[in-house]
Amino acid sequence: MAALALIRERVKQCEADDVAILCCPEGILGGLADYSADQMLIAIATRRIASVLAPLASDAVTTIVGFTELGDDGALYNSAAVLHRGTIAGVYRKQHPAIRRSVYAAGTETPVFHLNGVTFGIVICYDSNFSEPARQVAEQGALVLFVPSNNGLPRLRACEEIAAQARQCDVARAIENRMWVVRADVAGESGDLVSAGASAIVRPGGSVMLAAQPFSEDFLVVNLDHADSRT
């Protein structure tokens, strides 16, 4: 509920600032099941996604929300739902759940969305290390790739190095597909996990337009109405 309240405040900010699409980090609702003592406690059944996200409904703002999905097949998926005017426009399921092992099953679909005058696709965190998912959405006409991420890792991991690697992936995917890449990452500390944060907006040419300050909460906005969508 605290996460929903936080996202709702961001939705209100977007409404006030005429921001049409809000992208939240991976697993913003409940965190990641791989780190949860009770995975079913944080999981949201597919049929309940719309009702759980109902408090975030807006006539002006489309919101991308990361969460753990309990599929109709009984499997857990690391998912991102697209909430548009109170309805679920679609759900993307992470195709590469983890480097080594994960409680999540792998998704198989790469949908694109035509909303608020923008055609966009989604990949989640580690998916951005691979060219194929981004290429698939670009071939379907996507001009923007949103990357909900959660780079919160045990303290012994080099979190700043992880953030730098994520940035390199964003630049590569942008150049390969001539598309905008928008990453929304967690930042700071939570229990035993820490993240430097890799939130950024990368132009299709590969240059970084905006980047969040390390270890800090931030809110990055780009106006595509005043930018060449392919440069």
Protein backbone atom coordinates (compact mmCIF):
# COMPACT_ATOMS: atom_id res chain seq x y z
CA MET A 1 0.00 0.00 0.00
CA ALA A 2 2.90 2.36 0.73
CA ALA A 3 4.27 1.74 -2.77
CA LEU A 4 0.87 2.44 -4.33
CA ALA A 5 0.65 5.71 -2.40
CA LEU A 6 4.12 6.71 -3.60
CA ILE A 7 3.27 5.93 -7.22
CA ARG A 8 -0.01 7.81 -6.89
CA GLU A 9 1.91 10.92 -5.83
CA ARG A 10 4.06 10.58 -8.94
CA VAL A 11 0.94 10.16 -11.08
CA LYS A 12 -0.41 13.42 -9.64
CA GLN A 13 2.90 15.11 -10.41
CA CYS A 14 2.71 13.83 -13.98
CA GLU A 15 -0.83 15.14 -14.32
CA ALA A 16 0.27 18.56 -13.12
CA ASP A 17 3.30 18.62 -15.43
CA ASP A 18 1.54 17.16 -18.51
CA VAL A 19 3.66 14.00 -18.48
CA ALA A 20 1.82 11.31 -20.46
CA ILE A 21 3.72 8.13 -19.50
CA LEU A 22 5.19 7.22 -16.12
CA CYS A 23 7.62 4.30 -15.86
CA CYS A 24 8.27 2.82 -12.40
CA PRO A 25 11.10 0.44 -11.38
CA GLU A 26 11.00 -3.33 -11.60
CA GLY A 27 9.18 -4.95 -8.69
CA ILE A 28 8.08 -1.63 -7.22
CA LEU A 29 5.06 -3.42 -5.74
CA GLY A 30 6.34 -5.87 -3.13
CA GLY A 31 9.93 -6.12 -4.31
CA LEU A 32 11.43 -9.12 -6.08
CA ALA A 33 10.22 -12.61 -5.24
CA ASP A 34 13.80 -13.91 -5.40
CA TYR A 35 14.47 -11.99 -2.17
CA SER A 36 11.11 -12.64 -0.51
CA ALA A 37 10.56 -15.12 2.34
CA ASP A 38 6.95 -15.59 1.18
CA GLN A 39 6.67 -15.19 -2.57
CA MET A 40 2.92 -15.73 -2.66
CA LEU A 41 2.42 -12.88 -0.21
CA ILE A 42 3.66 -10.34 -2.75
CA ALA A 43 2.30 -12.04 -5.89
CA ILE A 44 -0.69 -10.57 -7.73
CA ALA A 45 -2.89 -12.99 -9.66
CA THR A 46 -3.38 -12.09 -13.32
CA ARG A 47 -7.12 -11.62 -12.83
CA ARG A 48 -6.51 -9.13 -9.96
CA ILE A 49 -4.02 -6.81 -11.67
CA ALA A 50 -6.63 -4.24 -12.70
CA SER A 51 -8.23 -4.06 -9.24
CA VAL A 52 -4.90 -3.77 -7.42
CA LEU A 53 -3.72 -0.96 -9.70
CA ALA A 54 -7.09 0.84 -9.68
CA PRO A 55 -5.85 3.57 -7.24
CA LEU A 56 -3.34 4.65 -9.92
CA ALA A 57 -5.96 5.22 -12.63
CA SER A 58 -5.69 8.52 -14.48
CA ASP A 59 -7.36 9.97 -17.56
CA ALA A 60 -4.09 11.67 -18.55
CA VAL A 61 -1.23 9.43 -17.39
CA THR A 62 -0.34 5.91 -18.53
CA THR A 63 1.66 4.10 -15.84
CA ILE A 64 4.08 1.18 -16.20
CA VAL A 65 4.17 -0.76 -12.91
CA GLY A 66 6.53 -3.62 -12.00
CA PHE A 67 5.27 -6.47 -9.80
CA THR A 68 5.30 -10.24 -9.27
CA GLU A 69 2.51 -11.87 -11.26
CA LEU A 70 0.90 -15.20 -10.38
CA GLY A 71 -0.12 -16.52 -13.77
CA ASP A 72 -3.13 -18.66 -14.52
CA ASP A 73 -0.66 -21.51 -15.07
CA GLY A 74 0.48 -21.27 -11.44
CA ALA A 75 3.91 -19.88 -12.34
CA LEU A 76 5.41 -16.66 -11.01
CA TYR A 77 6.42 -14.01 -13.54
CA ASN A 78 8.45 -10.84 -13.13
CA SER A 79 6.02 -8.53 -14.88
CA ALA A 80 5.28 -4.94 -15.83
CA ALA A 81 1.66 -3.89 -16.38
CA VAL A 82 0.62 -0.94 -18.51
CA LEU A 83 -2.29 0.87 -16.85
CA HIS A 84 -4.12 3.17 -19.28
CA ARG A 85 -7.24 5.09 -18.23
CA GLY A 86 -8.10 2.56 -15.56
CA THR A 87 -7.70 -0.55 -17.71
CA ILE A 88 -4.77 -2.89 -18.27
CA ALA A 89 -3.52 -2.29 -21.81
CA GLY A 90 -1.16 -5.23 -21.53
CA VAL A 91 1.49 -6.99 -19.45
CA TYR A 92 5.11 -7.70 -20.30
CA ARG A 93 6.78 -10.69 -18.62
CA LYS A 94 10.56 -10.65 -18.16
CA GLN A 95 12.21 -13.03 -20.62
CA HIS A 96 15.53 -13.43 -18.79
CA PRO A 97 14.61 -13.65 -15.08
CA ALA A 98 18.15 -13.85 -13.64
CA ILE A 99 21.78 -14.42 -14.43
CA ARG A 100 21.96 -17.77 -12.59
CA ARG A 101 18.64 -18.89 -11.12
CA SER A 102 15.28 -17.41 -10.20
CA VAL A 103 11.87 -18.37 -8.85
CA TYR A 104 10.39 -16.60 -11.89
CA ALA A 105 9.38 -18.36 -15.08
CA ALA A 106 10.51 -16.76 -18.33
CA GLY A 107 8.10 -14.74 -20.43
CA THR A 108 7.92 -15.25 -24.19
CA GLU A 109 6.05 -12.28 -25.66
CA THR A 110 7.31 -8.80 -26.66
CA PRO A 111 4.18 -6.68 -27.11
CA VAL A 112 4.17 -3.05 -28.19
CA PHE A 113 1.74 -0.38 -27.05
CA HIS A 114 0.25 2.49 -29.03
CA LEU A 115 -0.82 4.90 -26.29
CA ASN A 116 -0.77 8.65 -25.66
CA GLY A 117 0.56 9.27 -29.16
CA VAL A 118 3.65 7.07 -28.61
CA THR A 119 4.48 3.56 -29.75
CA PHE A 120 6.64 1.84 -27.16
CA GLY A 121 7.86 -1.49 -25.90
CA ILE A 122 9.11 -2.80 -22.56
CA VAL A 123 11.96 -5.01 -21.43
CA ILE A 124 12.77 -5.60 -17.76
CA CYS A 125 16.25 -5.07 -16.29
CA TYR A 126 18.48 -8.02 -17.31
CA ASP A 127 16.52 -8.36 -20.57
CA SER A 128 18.35 -5.23 -21.76
CA ASN A 129 21.60 -7.21 -21.91
CA PHE A 130 20.23 -9.03 -24.94
CA SER A 131 19.65 -7.51 -28.37
CA GLU A 132 16.70 -9.67 -29.39
CA PRO A 133 13.82 -8.36 -27.20
CA ALA A 134 14.59 -4.74 -28.07
CA ARG A 135 14.95 -5.60 -31.76
CA GLN A 136 11.57 -7.32 -31.74
CA VAL A 137 9.73 -4.29 -30.38
CA ALA A 138 11.61 -1.97 -32.75
CA GLU A 139 10.51 -4.11 -35.69
CA GLN A 140 6.92 -3.59 -34.53
CA GLY A 141 7.36 0.18 -34.77
CA ALA A 142 8.32 1.11 -31.22
CA LEU A 143 10.12 4.46 -30.94
CA VAL A 144 10.68 4.18 -27.18
CA LEU A 145 11.91 1.28 -25.06
CA PHE A 146 11.06 1.43 -21.34
CA VAL A 147 13.31 -0.59 -19.01
CA PRO A 148 11.90 -1.03 -15.48
CA SER A 149 14.88 -2.17 -13.39
CA ASN A 150 15.81 -3.24 -9.89
CA ASN A 151 19.57 -3.32 -9.42
CA GLY A 152 19.34 -3.68 -5.64
CA LEU A 153 22.07 -6.19 -4.77
CA PRO A 154 23.91 -7.43 -1.67
CA ARG A 155 26.39 -4.87 -0.40
CA LEU A 156 29.43 -6.87 -1.45
CA ARG A 157 28.50 -6.47 -5.11
CA ALA A 158 29.95 -3.52 -7.01
CA CYS A 159 26.69 -1.60 -7.37
CA GLU A 160 28.24 1.35 -9.20
CA GLU A 161 29.79 -1.02 -11.71
CA ILE A 162 26.38 -2.66 -12.22
CA ALA A 163 24.84 0.75 -12.91
CA ALA A 164 27.57 1.51 -15.44
CA GLN A 165 26.96 -1.80 -17.19
CA ALA A 166 23.23 -1.04 -17.37
CA ARG A 167 24.03 2.33 -18.97
CA GLN A 168 26.20 0.61 -21.57
CA CYS A 169 23.30 -1.69 -22.43
CA ASP A 170 20.94 1.28 -22.82
CA VAL A 171 23.35 3.01 -25.19
CA ALA A 172 23.82 -0.18 -27.22
CA ARG A 173 20.07 -0.86 -27.56
CA ALA A 174 19.44 2.78 -28.52
CA ILE A 175 22.06 2.75 -31.26
CA GLU A 176 21.11 -0.69 -32.61
CA ASN A 177 17.43 0.18 -32.97
CA ARG A 178 17.46 3.98 -33.40
CA MET A 179 15.06 4.31 -30.50
CA TRP A 180 14.81 6.15 -27.19
CA VAL A 181 15.69 4.05 -24.14
CA VAL A 182 14.19 5.05 -20.79
CA ARG A 183 15.38 3.13 -17.72
CA ALA A 184 13.72 3.45 -14.29
CA ASP A 185 15.85 1.90 -11.53
CA VAL A 186 15.72 1.74 -7.74
CA ALA A 187 18.33 3.76 -5.83
CA GLY A 188 19.64 3.76 -2.27
CA GLU A 189 19.41 1.12 0.47
CA SER A 190 16.72 -1.36 1.48
CA GLY A 191 17.63 -3.88 4.15
CA ASP A 192 20.70 -5.77 3.01
CA LEU A 193 20.39 -4.50 -0.57
CA VAL A 194 21.90 -1.39 -2.12
CA SER A 195 21.64 0.19 -5.58
CA ALA A 196 23.54 3.09 -7.08
CA GLY A 197 20.67 3.57 -9.51
CA ALA A 198 20.88 3.52 -13.30
CA SER A 199 17.83 5.62 -14.20
CA ALA A 200 18.49 7.50 -17.43
CA ILE A 201 17.05 8.63 -20.75
CA VAL A 202 19.18 7.80 -23.80
CA ARG A 203 18.66 9.30 -27.25
CA PRO A 204 18.38 7.06 -30.34
CA GLY A 205 21.88 8.15 -31.34
CA GLY A 206 23.26 6.76 -28.08
CA SER A 207 23.94 9.95 -26.14
CA VAL A 208 22.65 10.17 -22.57
CA MET A 209 20.13 13.00 -22.37
CA LEU A 210 19.35 12.74 -18.64
CA ALA A 211 20.68 10.58 -15.79
CA ALA A 212 19.78 10.35 -12.13
CA GLN A 213 22.30 11.18 -9.42
CA PRO A 214 23.86 8.04 -7.86
CA PHE A 215 22.08 6.66 -4.77
CA SER A 216 19.39 9.37 -5.02
CA GLU A 217 15.68 9.40 -5.75
CA ASP A 218 15.03 11.35 -8.93
CA PHE A 219 12.36 12.08 -11.54
CA LEU A 220 13.51 12.27 -15.17
CA VAL A 221 11.31 13.69 -17.94
CA VAL A 222 11.77 14.01 -21.71
CA ASN A 223 9.37 15.80 -24.06
CA LEU A 224 9.31 13.90 -27.34
CA ASP A 225 7.09 16.58 -28.91
CA HIS A 226 10.17 18.81 -29.01
CA ALA A 227 12.72 16.19 -30.02
CA ASP A 228 13.39 14.29 -33.21
CA SER A 229 12.19 10.78 -32.38
CA ARG A 230 15.10 9.22 -34.28
CA THR A 231 18.02 11.49 -33.28
